[in-house]
Amino acid sequence: MPHDCVPLLEVDIAQKGEHPELPLLSTHLPYSALANSISSSGCKIVYICRDPKDAFVSYWNFARRAKPGFESLPLDVMFELFCRGISLYGPCWDHILGYWKASLDQPERVLFLKYEDMKRETSAHVKRLAEFIGHPFDSEENREGLVERIVELCSFENLSNLKVNSQGKHRQGTPVAIKNNTYFRKGEVGDWKNHLTAEMARHMDRITEQKLGSWGLKLNDAPTP
């Protein structure tokens, strides 16, 4: 499954103590928590940011499906904690801001992407990513539709329907084993509307504006009515 191809730094690499064969890692760590061997090296970092409202709903659903004892965790309780900055990887807005600042300081090393933009213009972002890592598509690859094939191969619909992702467990036999299908829920933009009240959404938007607005970073197209 994709998670086996892209090991998680703070779990897979930390537990095994091995260097991955592929020069590609994933992480949920804040930029400030990255080892100097990463933050001070020449390696490139791609950060995918999401509207905190959708990020919260995804986090809540994942916790309920992945962690024993969390199945009945009330949304309003976790919402309160999330807005206070209490979550597994620290305050959401500090996390976002750390990578945003790094992308402004070192745009050649840190690429800051928005999930909503990637969903809206997927092919354009595949091309942008290829250019960022130094392997842009040539004219022949563009003519042959390679970008479109990559988009289809990596689509939520394709990956979630693969047998390897719908059955079995990731990290089978370890304390952090998780059912593979736990990683796939909806992959939609705006699903927060099905879970948050209007006041909850406005409250989170206010925090987002307070924390990120002065840095020129907007994460939603329009204020929540």
N, C-alpha and C. Protein backbone atom coordinates (compact mmCIF):
# COMPACT_ATOMS: atom_id res chain seq x y z
N MET A 1 0.84 -1.18 0.00
CA MET A 1 0.00 0.00 0.00
C MET A 1 0.89 1.25 0.00
N PRO A 2 0.31 2.44 -0.28
CA PRO A 2 1.13 3.65 -0.36
C PRO A 2 1.97 3.90 0.88
N HIS A 3 1.44 3.57 2.05
CA HIS A 3 2.19 3.85 3.28
C HIS A 3 3.43 2.97 3.40
N ASP A 4 3.44 1.82 2.75
CA ASP A 4 4.64 0.99 2.74
C ASP A 4 5.69 1.57 1.80
N CYS A 5 5.23 2.26 0.76
CA CYS A 5 6.15 2.87 -0.21
C CYS A 5 6.77 4.15 0.33
N VAL A 6 6.04 4.82 1.22
CA VAL A 6 6.52 6.08 1.80
C VAL A 6 6.48 5.94 3.32
N PRO A 7 7.55 5.42 3.93
CA PRO A 7 7.57 5.17 5.38
C PRO A 7 7.37 6.45 6.19
N LEU A 8 6.70 6.29 7.33
CA LEU A 8 6.47 7.41 8.23
C LEU A 8 7.69 7.58 9.14
N LEU A 9 8.29 8.74 9.10
CA LEU A 9 9.55 8.99 9.80
C LEU A 9 9.47 8.65 11.28
N GLU A 10 8.43 9.14 11.96
CA GLU A 10 8.38 9.01 13.42
C GLU A 10 7.90 7.65 13.90
N VAL A 11 7.49 6.78 12.99
CA VAL A 11 7.04 5.43 13.38
C VAL A 11 7.90 4.36 12.71
N ASP A 12 7.80 4.26 11.39
CA ASP A 12 8.48 3.19 10.67
C ASP A 12 10.00 3.29 10.76
N ILE A 13 10.54 4.46 10.50
CA ILE A 13 11.99 4.62 10.53
C ILE A 13 12.51 4.59 11.96
N ALA A 14 11.78 5.22 12.88
CA ALA A 14 12.22 5.26 14.27
C ALA A 14 12.25 3.87 14.89
N GLN A 15 11.27 3.02 14.54
CA GLN A 15 11.19 1.68 15.11
C GLN A 15 12.24 0.75 14.53
N LYS A 16 12.41 0.81 13.22
CA LYS A 16 13.31 -0.13 12.55
C LYS A 16 14.76 0.34 12.56
N GLY A 17 14.95 1.65 12.63
CA GLY A 17 16.31 2.18 12.62
C GLY A 17 17.03 1.89 11.33
N GLU A 18 16.28 1.80 10.24
CA GLU A 18 16.87 1.48 8.94
C GLU A 18 16.71 2.66 8.00
N HIS A 19 17.61 2.73 7.04
CA HIS A 19 17.47 3.72 5.99
C HIS A 19 16.59 3.12 4.90
N PRO A 20 15.54 3.83 4.50
CA PRO A 20 14.66 3.28 3.46
C PRO A 20 15.37 3.17 2.12
N GLU A 21 14.95 2.19 1.33
CA GLU A 21 15.54 2.02 -0.01
C GLU A 21 15.15 3.20 -0.90
N LEU A 22 13.91 3.67 -0.75
CA LEU A 22 13.47 4.82 -1.53
C LEU A 22 13.80 6.10 -0.78
N PRO A 23 14.32 7.10 -1.47
CA PRO A 23 14.69 8.36 -0.80
C PRO A 23 13.46 9.25 -0.57
N LEU A 24 12.43 8.65 0.03
CA LEU A 24 11.17 9.37 0.20
C LEU A 24 10.56 8.99 1.54
N LEU A 25 10.26 9.97 2.36
CA LEU A 25 9.67 9.75 3.68
C LEU A 25 8.46 10.64 3.86
N SER A 26 7.57 10.24 4.75
CA SER A 26 6.46 11.10 5.15
C SER A 26 6.59 11.39 6.63
N THR A 27 5.94 12.44 7.07
CA THR A 27 5.97 12.77 8.50
C THR A 27 4.81 13.68 8.84
N HIS A 28 4.39 13.64 10.11
CA HIS A 28 3.41 14.59 10.63
C HIS A 28 4.09 15.56 11.60
N LEU A 29 5.40 15.47 11.72
CA LEU A 29 6.13 16.30 12.68
C LEU A 29 6.09 17.78 12.28
N PRO A 30 6.02 18.67 13.26
CA PRO A 30 6.14 20.11 12.98
C PRO A 30 7.53 20.40 12.41
N TYR A 31 7.64 21.49 11.66
CA TYR A 31 8.93 21.84 11.08
C TYR A 31 9.99 22.03 12.16
N SER A 32 9.59 22.60 13.29
CA SER A 32 10.54 22.85 14.38
C SER A 32 11.04 21.57 15.03
N ALA A 33 10.34 20.46 14.81
CA ALA A 33 10.74 19.19 15.43
C ALA A 33 11.56 18.31 14.49
N LEU A 34 11.76 18.76 13.26
CA LEU A 34 12.56 17.97 12.32
C LEU A 34 14.02 17.95 12.76
N ALA A 35 14.65 16.81 12.57
CA ALA A 35 16.07 16.69 12.91
C ALA A 35 16.89 17.62 12.02
N ASN A 36 18.03 18.07 12.52
CA ASN A 36 18.91 18.93 11.74
C ASN A 36 19.35 18.26 10.44
N SER A 37 19.44 16.92 10.49
CA SER A 37 19.84 16.18 9.29
C SER A 37 18.82 16.33 8.17
N ILE A 38 17.62 16.79 8.52
CA ILE A 38 16.59 17.04 7.51
C ILE A 38 16.47 18.53 7.23
N SER A 39 16.22 19.31 8.28
CA SER A 39 15.96 20.74 8.09
C SER A 39 17.18 21.51 7.59
N SER A 40 18.38 21.01 7.87
CA SER A 40 19.60 21.71 7.46
C SER A 40 20.29 21.05 6.27
N SER A 41 19.64 20.05 5.71
CA SER A 41 20.24 19.34 4.58
C SER A 41 19.70 19.89 3.27
N GLY A 42 20.09 19.28 2.19
CA GLY A 42 19.61 19.72 0.89
C GLY A 42 18.35 19.02 0.45
N CYS A 43 17.78 18.18 1.31
CA CYS A 43 16.58 17.44 0.91
C CYS A 43 15.40 18.39 0.75
N LYS A 44 14.50 18.04 -0.14
CA LYS A 44 13.34 18.87 -0.42
C LYS A 44 12.16 18.42 0.43
N ILE A 45 11.35 19.39 0.82
CA ILE A 45 10.20 19.13 1.67
C ILE A 45 8.94 19.60 0.96
N VAL A 46 7.95 18.73 0.89
CA VAL A 46 6.65 19.09 0.33
C VAL A 46 5.63 19.02 1.46
N TYR A 47 5.02 20.13 1.75
CA TYR A 47 4.04 20.20 2.84
C TYR A 47 2.64 20.37 2.25
N ILE A 48 1.72 19.51 2.66
CA ILE A 48 0.34 19.61 2.20
C ILE A 48 -0.52 20.11 3.35
N CYS A 49 -1.08 21.28 3.16
CA CYS A 49 -1.92 21.91 4.17
C CYS A 49 -3.39 21.74 3.79
N ARG A 50 -4.24 21.70 4.81
CA ARG A 50 -5.67 21.53 4.57
C ARG A 50 -6.44 22.52 5.45
N ASP A 51 -7.59 22.95 4.97
CA ASP A 51 -8.47 23.79 5.79
C ASP A 51 -8.61 23.13 7.15
N PRO A 52 -8.29 23.83 8.24
CA PRO A 52 -8.35 23.22 9.57
C PRO A 52 -9.69 22.57 9.91
N LYS A 53 -10.77 23.06 9.35
CA LYS A 53 -12.08 22.46 9.63
C LYS A 53 -12.14 21.04 9.08
N ASP A 54 -11.72 20.86 7.84
CA ASP A 54 -11.68 19.52 7.26
C ASP A 54 -10.60 18.67 7.91
N ALA A 55 -9.47 19.29 8.24
CA ALA A 55 -8.39 18.55 8.89
C ALA A 55 -8.86 18.01 10.24
N PHE A 56 -9.62 18.81 10.96
CA PHE A 56 -10.14 18.36 12.26
C PHE A 56 -11.10 17.19 12.10
N VAL A 57 -12.04 17.30 11.17
CA VAL A 57 -13.02 16.22 10.96
C VAL A 57 -12.31 14.93 10.56
N SER A 58 -11.31 15.03 9.71
CA SER A 58 -10.54 13.86 9.31
C SER A 58 -9.81 13.26 10.51
N TYR A 59 -9.21 14.11 11.32
CA TYR A 59 -8.47 13.68 12.51
C TYR A 59 -9.40 12.97 13.50
N TRP A 60 -10.57 13.54 13.71
CA TRP A 60 -11.56 12.95 14.63
C TRP A 60 -12.01 11.57 14.14
N ASN A 61 -12.33 11.48 12.87
CA ASN A 61 -12.76 10.19 12.32
C ASN A 61 -11.65 9.15 12.36
N PHE A 62 -10.43 9.58 12.04
CA PHE A 62 -9.30 8.64 12.06
C PHE A 62 -9.06 8.13 13.47
N ALA A 63 -9.09 9.02 14.45
CA ALA A 63 -8.86 8.62 15.85
C ALA A 63 -9.90 7.60 16.30
N ARG A 64 -11.14 7.80 15.92
CA ARG A 64 -12.21 6.87 16.33
C ARG A 64 -12.07 5.50 15.68
N ARG A 65 -11.52 5.48 14.48
CA ARG A 65 -11.39 4.21 13.76
C ARG A 65 -10.08 3.49 14.07
N ALA A 66 -9.07 4.26 14.44
CA ALA A 66 -7.73 3.67 14.58
C ALA A 66 -7.34 3.36 16.02
N LYS A 67 -7.90 4.08 16.97
CA LYS A 67 -7.44 3.94 18.35
C LYS A 67 -8.49 3.25 19.22
N PRO A 68 -8.17 2.09 19.78
CA PRO A 68 -9.10 1.40 20.68
C PRO A 68 -9.51 2.29 21.84
N GLY A 69 -10.81 2.31 22.12
CA GLY A 69 -11.31 3.14 23.20
C GLY A 69 -11.74 4.52 22.77
N PHE A 70 -11.44 4.89 21.51
CA PHE A 70 -11.81 6.21 21.01
C PHE A 70 -13.08 6.17 20.17
N GLU A 71 -13.68 4.99 20.02
CA GLU A 71 -14.82 4.84 19.11
C GLU A 71 -15.96 5.81 19.42
N SER A 72 -16.20 6.06 20.69
CA SER A 72 -17.33 6.91 21.10
C SER A 72 -16.89 8.32 21.49
N LEU A 73 -15.71 8.72 21.08
CA LEU A 73 -15.19 10.04 21.42
C LEU A 73 -16.10 11.13 20.86
N PRO A 74 -16.72 11.95 21.70
CA PRO A 74 -17.63 12.99 21.21
C PRO A 74 -16.90 14.04 20.37
N LEU A 75 -17.54 14.44 19.29
CA LEU A 75 -16.92 15.43 18.41
C LEU A 75 -16.69 16.75 19.14
N ASP A 76 -17.66 17.19 19.96
CA ASP A 76 -17.52 18.48 20.61
C ASP A 76 -16.37 18.51 21.61
N VAL A 77 -16.10 17.37 22.25
CA VAL A 77 -14.99 17.29 23.19
C VAL A 77 -13.66 17.43 22.45
N MET A 78 -13.53 16.69 21.36
CA MET A 78 -12.28 16.75 20.60
C MET A 78 -12.13 18.12 19.92
N PHE A 79 -13.24 18.72 19.52
CA PHE A 79 -13.21 20.05 18.91
C PHE A 79 -12.63 21.07 19.88
N GLU A 80 -13.08 21.01 21.13
CA GLU A 80 -12.58 21.92 22.15
C GLU A 80 -11.08 21.76 22.35
N LEU A 81 -10.63 20.51 22.42
CA LEU A 81 -9.19 20.25 22.58
C LEU A 81 -8.40 20.74 21.38
N PHE A 82 -8.92 20.46 20.18
CA PHE A 82 -8.23 20.84 18.94
C PHE A 82 -8.07 22.36 18.87
N CYS A 83 -9.13 23.09 19.20
CA CYS A 83 -9.08 24.55 19.13
C CYS A 83 -8.14 25.13 20.18
N ARG A 84 -7.92 24.40 21.26
CA ARG A 84 -6.98 24.84 22.30
C ARG A 84 -5.55 24.43 21.96
N GLY A 85 -5.38 23.76 20.82
CA GLY A 85 -4.04 23.36 20.40
C GLY A 85 -3.58 22.03 20.94
N ILE A 86 -4.53 21.25 21.48
CA ILE A 86 -4.17 19.95 22.05
C ILE A 86 -4.49 18.85 21.05
N SER A 87 -3.47 18.34 20.39
CA SER A 87 -3.62 17.24 19.45
C SER A 87 -2.30 16.49 19.38
N LEU A 88 -2.29 15.37 18.71
CA LEU A 88 -1.14 14.48 18.71
C LEU A 88 0.15 15.16 18.30
N TYR A 89 0.07 16.03 17.29
CA TYR A 89 1.28 16.68 16.78
C TYR A 89 1.32 18.18 17.12
N GLY A 90 0.63 18.55 18.18
CA GLY A 90 0.68 19.93 18.63
C GLY A 90 -0.37 20.80 17.95
N PRO A 91 -0.37 22.09 18.23
CA PRO A 91 -1.35 23.01 17.67
C PRO A 91 -1.34 23.00 16.14
N CYS A 92 -2.51 22.81 15.56
CA CYS A 92 -2.64 22.75 14.10
C CYS A 92 -2.08 24.00 13.43
N TRP A 93 -2.41 25.17 13.97
CA TRP A 93 -2.03 26.43 13.32
C TRP A 93 -0.54 26.70 13.43
N ASP A 94 0.07 26.32 14.53
CA ASP A 94 1.52 26.44 14.65
C ASP A 94 2.22 25.52 13.66
N HIS A 95 1.64 24.35 13.48
CA HIS A 95 2.18 23.36 12.54
C HIS A 95 2.19 23.95 11.13
N ILE A 96 1.05 24.49 10.73
CA ILE A 96 0.92 25.08 9.40
C ILE A 96 1.89 26.25 9.23
N LEU A 97 1.92 27.12 10.23
CA LEU A 97 2.73 28.33 10.14
C LEU A 97 4.22 28.02 10.05
N GLY A 98 4.65 26.97 10.74
CA GLY A 98 6.06 26.60 10.69
C GLY A 98 6.52 26.28 9.28
N TYR A 99 5.73 25.50 8.56
CA TYR A 99 6.10 25.13 7.19
C TYR A 99 5.87 26.29 6.22
N TRP A 100 4.86 27.11 6.50
CA TRP A 100 4.62 28.28 5.65
C TRP A 100 5.81 29.24 5.70
N LYS A 101 6.30 29.51 6.92
CA LYS A 101 7.46 30.38 7.07
C LYS A 101 8.68 29.78 6.37
N ALA A 102 8.86 28.48 6.52
CA ALA A 102 10.00 27.82 5.88
C ALA A 102 9.91 27.93 4.37
N SER A 103 8.69 27.84 3.83
CA SER A 103 8.52 27.94 2.37
C SER A 103 8.80 29.35 1.87
N LEU A 104 8.53 30.35 2.72
CA LEU A 104 8.84 31.73 2.34
C LEU A 104 10.34 31.99 2.41
N ASP A 105 10.98 31.41 3.40
CA ASP A 105 12.43 31.61 3.59
C ASP A 105 13.25 30.81 2.58
N GLN A 106 12.77 29.59 2.26
CA GLN A 106 13.54 28.70 1.38
C GLN A 106 12.62 28.07 0.33
N PRO A 107 12.09 28.86 -0.58
CA PRO A 107 11.15 28.32 -1.57
C PRO A 107 11.73 27.24 -2.47
N GLU A 108 13.06 27.23 -2.60
CA GLU A 108 13.68 26.20 -3.43
C GLU A 108 13.75 24.85 -2.69
N ARG A 109 13.55 24.87 -1.38
CA ARG A 109 13.63 23.64 -0.58
C ARG A 109 12.29 23.18 -0.03
N VAL A 110 11.40 24.12 0.26
CA VAL A 110 10.12 23.78 0.89
C VAL A 110 8.97 24.24 0.00
N LEU A 111 8.18 23.28 -0.45
CA LEU A 111 7.02 23.57 -1.29
C LEU A 111 5.76 23.44 -0.45
N PHE A 112 5.01 24.51 -0.34
CA PHE A 112 3.79 24.55 0.47
C PHE A 112 2.59 24.42 -0.46
N LEU A 113 1.84 23.34 -0.32
CA LEU A 113 0.68 23.09 -1.17
C LEU A 113 -0.59 23.04 -0.33
N LYS A 114 -1.70 23.44 -0.95
CA LYS A 114 -3.00 23.37 -0.29
C LYS A 114 -3.81 22.21 -0.88
N TYR A 115 -4.35 21.40 0.00
CA TYR A 115 -5.13 20.23 -0.43
C TYR A 115 -6.27 20.64 -1.36
N GLU A 116 -6.93 21.73 -1.03
CA GLU A 116 -8.07 22.18 -1.83
C GLU A 116 -7.64 22.54 -3.25
N ASP A 117 -6.49 23.20 -3.38
CA ASP A 117 -5.97 23.54 -4.71
C ASP A 117 -5.60 22.29 -5.49
N MET A 118 -5.03 21.31 -4.79
CA MET A 118 -4.63 20.07 -5.44
C MET A 118 -5.85 19.31 -5.96
N LYS A 119 -6.94 19.34 -5.22
CA LYS A 119 -8.17 18.68 -5.66
C LYS A 119 -8.76 19.40 -6.87
N ARG A 120 -8.63 20.73 -6.87
CA ARG A 120 -9.24 21.54 -7.92
C ARG A 120 -8.44 21.48 -9.21
N GLU A 121 -7.13 21.48 -9.11
CA GLU A 121 -6.26 21.48 -10.29
C GLU A 121 -5.17 20.43 -10.12
N THR A 122 -5.56 19.19 -10.15
CA THR A 122 -4.64 18.10 -9.83
C THR A 122 -3.50 17.99 -10.84
N SER A 123 -3.81 18.03 -12.11
CA SER A 123 -2.77 17.88 -13.13
C SER A 123 -1.73 18.99 -13.03
N ALA A 124 -2.18 20.21 -12.81
CA ALA A 124 -1.25 21.34 -12.69
C ALA A 124 -0.32 21.16 -11.50
N HIS A 125 -0.84 20.58 -10.43
CA HIS A 125 -0.01 20.40 -9.24
C HIS A 125 0.96 19.22 -9.40
N VAL A 126 0.59 18.23 -10.19
CA VAL A 126 1.53 17.14 -10.49
C VAL A 126 2.72 17.72 -11.26
N LYS A 127 2.44 18.60 -12.21
CA LYS A 127 3.51 19.24 -12.98
C LYS A 127 4.37 20.13 -12.08
N ARG A 128 3.71 20.85 -11.20
CA ARG A 128 4.44 21.74 -10.29
C ARG A 128 5.36 20.93 -9.37
N LEU A 129 4.87 19.81 -8.88
CA LEU A 129 5.67 18.96 -8.00
C LEU A 129 6.86 18.39 -8.75
N ALA A 130 6.64 17.97 -10.00
CA ALA A 130 7.73 17.41 -10.80
C ALA A 130 8.83 18.45 -11.03
N GLU A 131 8.43 19.68 -11.29
CA GLU A 131 9.41 20.75 -11.48
C GLU A 131 10.17 21.03 -10.18
N PHE A 132 9.45 21.00 -9.06
CA PHE A 132 10.07 21.29 -7.77
C PHE A 132 11.17 20.29 -7.43
N ILE A 133 10.94 19.01 -7.73
CA ILE A 133 11.94 18.00 -7.40
C ILE A 133 13.00 17.85 -8.49
N GLY A 134 12.91 18.69 -9.52
CA GLY A 134 13.94 18.69 -10.55
C GLY A 134 13.76 17.69 -11.66
N HIS A 135 12.53 17.18 -11.83
CA HIS A 135 12.25 16.22 -12.90
C HIS A 135 10.99 16.62 -13.66
N PRO A 136 11.01 17.76 -14.34
CA PRO A 136 9.82 18.20 -15.06
C PRO A 136 9.49 17.26 -16.22
N PHE A 137 8.23 17.23 -16.58
CA PHE A 137 7.80 16.41 -17.71
C PHE A 137 8.27 17.05 -19.01
N ASP A 138 8.79 16.23 -19.92
CA ASP A 138 9.20 16.77 -21.21
C ASP A 138 8.00 16.76 -22.16
N SER A 139 8.20 17.33 -23.34
CA SER A 139 7.10 17.49 -24.29
C SER A 139 6.51 16.15 -24.72
N GLU A 140 7.37 15.14 -24.86
CA GLU A 140 6.88 13.82 -25.26
C GLU A 140 6.00 13.21 -24.16
N GLU A 141 6.42 13.33 -22.93
CA GLU A 141 5.62 12.80 -21.82
C GLU A 141 4.28 13.51 -21.71
N ASN A 142 4.28 14.81 -21.98
CA ASN A 142 3.02 15.55 -21.97
C ASN A 142 2.10 15.09 -23.09
N ARG A 143 2.68 14.87 -24.27
CA ARG A 143 1.87 14.41 -25.42
C ARG A 143 1.28 13.04 -25.16
N GLU A 144 2.04 12.18 -24.49
CA GLU A 144 1.59 10.82 -24.25
C GLU A 144 0.61 10.71 -23.07
N GLY A 145 0.33 11.83 -22.42
CA GLY A 145 -0.65 11.83 -21.34
C GLY A 145 -0.14 11.23 -20.04
N LEU A 146 1.19 11.33 -19.80
CA LEU A 146 1.75 10.74 -18.59
C LEU A 146 1.19 11.40 -17.33
N VAL A 147 1.01 12.70 -17.38
CA VAL A 147 0.47 13.41 -16.21
C VAL A 147 -0.92 12.87 -15.86
N GLU A 148 -1.76 12.74 -16.86
CA GLU A 148 -3.12 12.26 -16.62
C GLU A 148 -3.13 10.83 -16.09
N ARG A 149 -2.18 10.01 -16.55
CA ARG A 149 -2.10 8.63 -16.05
C ARG A 149 -1.67 8.60 -14.59
N ILE A 150 -0.76 9.49 -14.22
CA ILE A 150 -0.33 9.58 -12.83
C ILE A 150 -1.50 10.03 -11.95
N VAL A 151 -2.25 11.00 -12.43
CA VAL A 151 -3.41 11.49 -11.67
C VAL A 151 -4.40 10.36 -11.44
N GLU A 152 -4.66 9.56 -12.45
CA GLU A 152 -5.60 8.44 -12.32
C GLU A 152 -5.05 7.39 -11.37
N LEU A 153 -3.77 7.06 -11.51
CA LEU A 153 -3.16 6.03 -10.67
C LEU A 153 -3.21 6.43 -9.19
N CYS A 154 -3.01 7.70 -8.92
CA CYS A 154 -2.94 8.18 -7.53
C CYS A 154 -4.26 8.71 -7.00
N SER A 155 -5.32 8.57 -7.77
CA SER A 155 -6.61 9.11 -7.35
C SER A 155 -7.15 8.37 -6.13
N PHE A 156 -7.95 9.06 -5.34
CA PHE A 156 -8.56 8.46 -4.16
C PHE A 156 -9.39 7.25 -4.55
N GLU A 157 -10.15 7.39 -5.63
CA GLU A 157 -11.02 6.30 -6.07
C GLU A 157 -10.22 5.05 -6.41
N ASN A 158 -9.12 5.22 -7.12
CA ASN A 158 -8.30 4.07 -7.51
C ASN A 158 -7.63 3.43 -6.31
N LEU A 159 -6.99 4.23 -5.48
CA LEU A 159 -6.26 3.69 -4.34
C LEU A 159 -7.18 3.04 -3.32
N SER A 160 -8.32 3.65 -3.05
CA SER A 160 -9.21 3.11 -2.03
C SER A 160 -9.86 1.80 -2.46
N ASN A 161 -9.91 1.56 -3.77
CA ASN A 161 -10.54 0.33 -4.27
C ASN A 161 -9.55 -0.81 -4.48
N LEU A 162 -8.26 -0.55 -4.32
CA LEU A 162 -7.28 -1.62 -4.46
C LEU A 162 -7.43 -2.61 -3.31
N LYS A 163 -7.33 -3.88 -3.62
CA LYS A 163 -7.49 -4.91 -2.60
C LYS A 163 -6.52 -4.74 -1.44
N VAL A 164 -5.28 -4.38 -1.77
CA VAL A 164 -4.25 -4.23 -0.73
C VAL A 164 -4.60 -3.12 0.25
N ASN A 165 -5.39 -2.14 -0.19
CA ASN A 165 -5.75 -1.02 0.68
C ASN A 165 -7.09 -1.21 1.38
N SER A 166 -7.88 -2.16 0.93
CA SER A 166 -9.21 -2.37 1.51
C SER A 166 -9.25 -3.55 2.47
N GLN A 167 -8.16 -4.33 2.51
CA GLN A 167 -8.12 -5.50 3.39
C GLN A 167 -6.82 -5.52 4.19
N GLY A 168 -6.79 -6.32 5.24
CA GLY A 168 -5.57 -6.50 6.02
C GLY A 168 -5.22 -5.30 6.88
N LYS A 169 -4.02 -5.36 7.46
CA LYS A 169 -3.57 -4.30 8.36
C LYS A 169 -2.20 -3.77 7.96
N HIS A 170 -2.00 -2.50 8.21
CA HIS A 170 -0.70 -1.86 8.03
C HIS A 170 0.08 -2.03 9.32
N ARG A 171 1.36 -2.39 9.21
CA ARG A 171 2.21 -2.69 10.36
C ARG A 171 1.65 -3.86 11.18
N GLN A 172 1.20 -4.87 10.47
CA GLN A 172 0.65 -6.07 11.12
C GLN A 172 1.62 -6.63 12.15
N GLY A 173 1.11 -7.00 13.33
CA GLY A 173 1.93 -7.60 14.36
C GLY A 173 2.68 -6.63 15.24
N THR A 174 2.41 -5.33 15.08
CA THR A 174 3.06 -4.32 15.92
C THR A 174 1.99 -3.62 16.77
N PRO A 175 2.40 -2.91 17.83
CA PRO A 175 1.43 -2.19 18.67
C PRO A 175 0.69 -1.08 17.94
N VAL A 176 1.22 -0.66 16.78
CA VAL A 176 0.58 0.44 16.04
C VAL A 176 -0.07 -0.06 14.75
N ALA A 177 -0.46 -1.33 14.73
CA ALA A 177 -1.13 -1.89 13.56
C ALA A 177 -2.48 -1.20 13.35
N ILE A 178 -2.79 -0.89 12.10
CA ILE A 178 -4.04 -0.20 11.75
C ILE A 178 -4.62 -0.86 10.51
N LYS A 179 -5.93 -1.04 10.48
CA LYS A 179 -6.57 -1.59 9.29
C LYS A 179 -6.28 -0.67 8.11
N ASN A 180 -5.93 -1.29 6.99
CA ASN A 180 -5.56 -0.50 5.82
C ASN A 180 -6.66 0.45 5.37
N ASN A 181 -7.93 0.00 5.47
CA ASN A 181 -9.00 0.86 4.98
C ASN A 181 -9.27 2.06 5.89
N THR A 182 -8.62 2.09 7.06
CA THR A 182 -8.77 3.24 7.95
C THR A 182 -8.21 4.51 7.32
N TYR A 183 -7.24 4.35 6.44
CA TYR A 183 -6.61 5.51 5.82
C TYR A 183 -7.48 6.15 4.74
N PHE A 184 -8.53 5.46 4.35
CA PHE A 184 -9.36 5.96 3.25
C PHE A 184 -10.79 6.18 3.74
N ARG A 185 -11.25 7.42 3.72
CA ARG A 185 -12.61 7.71 4.14
C ARG A 185 -13.39 8.36 3.00
N LYS A 186 -13.14 9.66 2.77
CA LYS A 186 -13.85 10.36 1.69
C LYS A 186 -12.90 11.10 0.75
N GLY A 187 -11.91 11.76 1.30
CA GLY A 187 -11.00 12.54 0.47
C GLY A 187 -11.67 13.73 -0.19
N GLU A 188 -12.68 14.30 0.47
CA GLU A 188 -13.44 15.39 -0.11
C GLU A 188 -13.09 16.73 0.53
N VAL A 189 -13.37 17.79 -0.21
CA VAL A 189 -13.23 19.14 0.31
C VAL A 189 -14.59 19.59 0.84
N GLY A 190 -14.61 20.12 2.05
CA GLY A 190 -15.85 20.67 2.59
C GLY A 190 -16.71 19.69 3.36
N ASP A 191 -16.19 18.52 3.69
CA ASP A 191 -16.99 17.55 4.46
C ASP A 191 -17.28 18.05 5.86
N TRP A 192 -16.55 19.05 6.31
CA TRP A 192 -16.81 19.61 7.64
C TRP A 192 -18.25 20.09 7.78
N LYS A 193 -18.87 20.47 6.67
CA LYS A 193 -20.25 20.96 6.71
C LYS A 193 -21.22 19.90 7.20
N ASN A 194 -20.82 18.63 7.09
CA ASN A 194 -21.68 17.53 7.55
C ASN A 194 -21.47 17.21 9.03
N HIS A 195 -20.54 17.90 9.68
CA HIS A 195 -20.20 17.56 11.07
C HIS A 195 -20.19 18.75 12.02
N LEU A 196 -19.79 19.92 11.55
CA LEU A 196 -19.65 21.08 12.42
C LEU A 196 -20.86 21.99 12.33
N THR A 197 -21.24 22.58 13.45
CA THR A 197 -22.28 23.60 13.43
C THR A 197 -21.70 24.88 12.83
N ALA A 198 -22.59 25.80 12.46
CA ALA A 198 -22.13 27.06 11.88
C ALA A 198 -21.25 27.82 12.87
N GLU A 199 -21.61 27.78 14.14
CA GLU A 199 -20.82 28.49 15.16
C GLU A 199 -19.44 27.85 15.34
N MET A 200 -19.39 26.52 15.30
CA MET A 200 -18.10 25.83 15.41
C MET A 200 -17.20 26.22 14.24
N ALA A 201 -17.78 26.27 13.05
CA ALA A 201 -17.01 26.62 11.86
C ALA A 201 -16.50 28.05 11.94
N ARG A 202 -17.38 28.96 12.37
CA ARG A 202 -16.96 30.37 12.50
C ARG A 202 -15.85 30.51 13.55
N HIS A 203 -15.99 29.77 14.64
CA HIS A 203 -14.98 29.82 15.70
C HIS A 203 -13.61 29.38 15.16
N MET A 204 -13.60 28.31 14.40
CA MET A 204 -12.34 27.82 13.86
C MET A 204 -11.79 28.77 12.81
N ASP A 205 -12.66 29.37 12.01
CA ASP A 205 -12.21 30.35 11.02
C ASP A 205 -11.58 31.56 11.70
N ARG A 206 -12.15 31.97 12.83
CA ARG A 206 -11.58 33.12 13.56
C ARG A 206 -10.17 32.80 14.05
N ILE A 207 -9.99 31.59 14.56
CA ILE A 207 -8.66 31.19 15.02
C ILE A 207 -7.68 31.18 13.85
N THR A 208 -8.12 30.65 12.72
CA THR A 208 -7.27 30.58 11.53
C THR A 208 -6.84 31.97 11.10
N GLU A 209 -7.77 32.91 11.09
CA GLU A 209 -7.45 34.28 10.70
C GLU A 209 -6.51 34.93 11.70
N GLN A 210 -6.75 34.71 12.98
CA GLN A 210 -5.90 35.29 14.02
C GLN A 210 -4.47 34.75 13.95
N LYS A 211 -4.35 33.47 13.70
CA LYS A 211 -3.03 32.82 13.72
C LYS A 211 -2.25 33.00 12.42
N LEU A 212 -2.97 33.02 11.29
CA LEU A 212 -2.29 32.96 10.00
C LEU A 212 -2.47 34.20 9.13
N GLY A 213 -3.52 34.98 9.41
CA GLY A 213 -3.85 36.10 8.53
C GLY A 213 -2.73 37.09 8.35
N SER A 214 -2.02 37.42 9.42
CA SER A 214 -0.96 38.42 9.33
C SER A 214 0.23 37.94 8.51
N TRP A 215 0.29 36.64 8.25
CA TRP A 215 1.36 36.07 7.44
C TRP A 215 0.95 35.90 5.97
N GLY A 216 -0.22 36.45 5.62
CA GLY A 216 -0.66 36.39 4.24
C GLY A 216 -1.13 35.03 3.79
N LEU A 217 -1.52 34.18 4.73
CA LEU A 217 -1.95 32.83 4.39
C LEU A 217 -3.44 32.68 4.64
N LYS A 218 -4.19 32.38 3.59
CA LYS A 218 -5.63 32.13 3.71
C LYS A 218 -5.90 30.68 3.33
N LEU A 219 -6.71 30.02 4.15
CA LEU A 219 -6.96 28.59 3.93
C LEU A 219 -8.38 28.27 3.50
N ASN A 220 -9.24 29.26 3.45
CA ASN A 220 -10.58 29.02 2.92
C ASN A 220 -10.93 30.15 1.97
N ASP A 221 -11.70 29.83 0.95
CA ASP A 221 -11.98 30.80 -0.10
C ASP A 221 -12.87 31.95 0.38
N ALA A 222 -13.74 31.65 1.34
CA ALA A 222 -14.66 32.68 1.82
C ALA A 222 -15.02 32.38 3.27
N PRO A 223 -15.36 33.42 4.05
CA PRO A 223 -15.74 33.20 5.44
C PRO A 223 -16.97 32.30 5.54
N THR A 224 -17.04 31.52 6.61
CA THR A 224 -18.20 30.68 6.84
C THR A 224 -19.39 31.57 7.17
N PRO A 225 -20.52 31.42 6.47
CA PRO A 225 -21.69 32.28 6.73
C PRO A 225 -22.28 32.00 8.10
